[in-house]
Amino acid sequence: MIAPHMRKTSADLPGAEATAKQVIIANRVSAPPVPVASFFTNDGFSVYAAEFPDQIIIAGFIDLDKKQIILNESDDLEVQQFTLARALGHWIMHGDELDEIPELKVIYHQSLGGDLKNFYEKEALHFALHLLLPEIFIVDDLRLADQAIAVKYQVPDFVVRLIRKEYLS
């Protein structure tokens, strides 16, 4: 178990953004949408959707032992894409801590516009935003309506609003 003093005390958002950019470059992504599932499958993971009980607020989870990413099948494909990107952020940036902090393996449905207290989740969210809407592509598309961007990048509308807010602030 990780000792409390070793847990994150702040989020490295510039590091999360830089890591997303490195993934885009390393995988030679040349146009949206970003093929997040292939980043997992190329590393031997299987990615699939499963039925979760209605009362569960889980968007997906990472099973390292079985090398699986399981998504909530009741979510739209765009939400599943966002969940995959967040899972990838946790796996890449927090891989050493996934076994020590098991809750990092679970991706929850949550309000993403507020002030997240979990610094790991802040980093994974920031990574996902910059992975799915990389600066190299999105700067030219910010003139488009949110819905047009969401369709082009295959992401939920709220993801477009979050990245737009970041670029306009």
Foldseek 3Di string as FASTA:
>chain_A
DDDPVPADPAAPLVVLLVVLVVVCVVVVPDFAQFPLQVVLVVVPAAEEEDDDDPVAQFQWFADPVRRYIYGHPVDDQQSNLLQSQLQVQCCVVVVVCCVVDVVSRTHGDDDPVDDDPRNSSVSSNSNSLCNLQPPVHCVVVLVDDLVVVCVRRVHDSVSSVVVNVVVVD
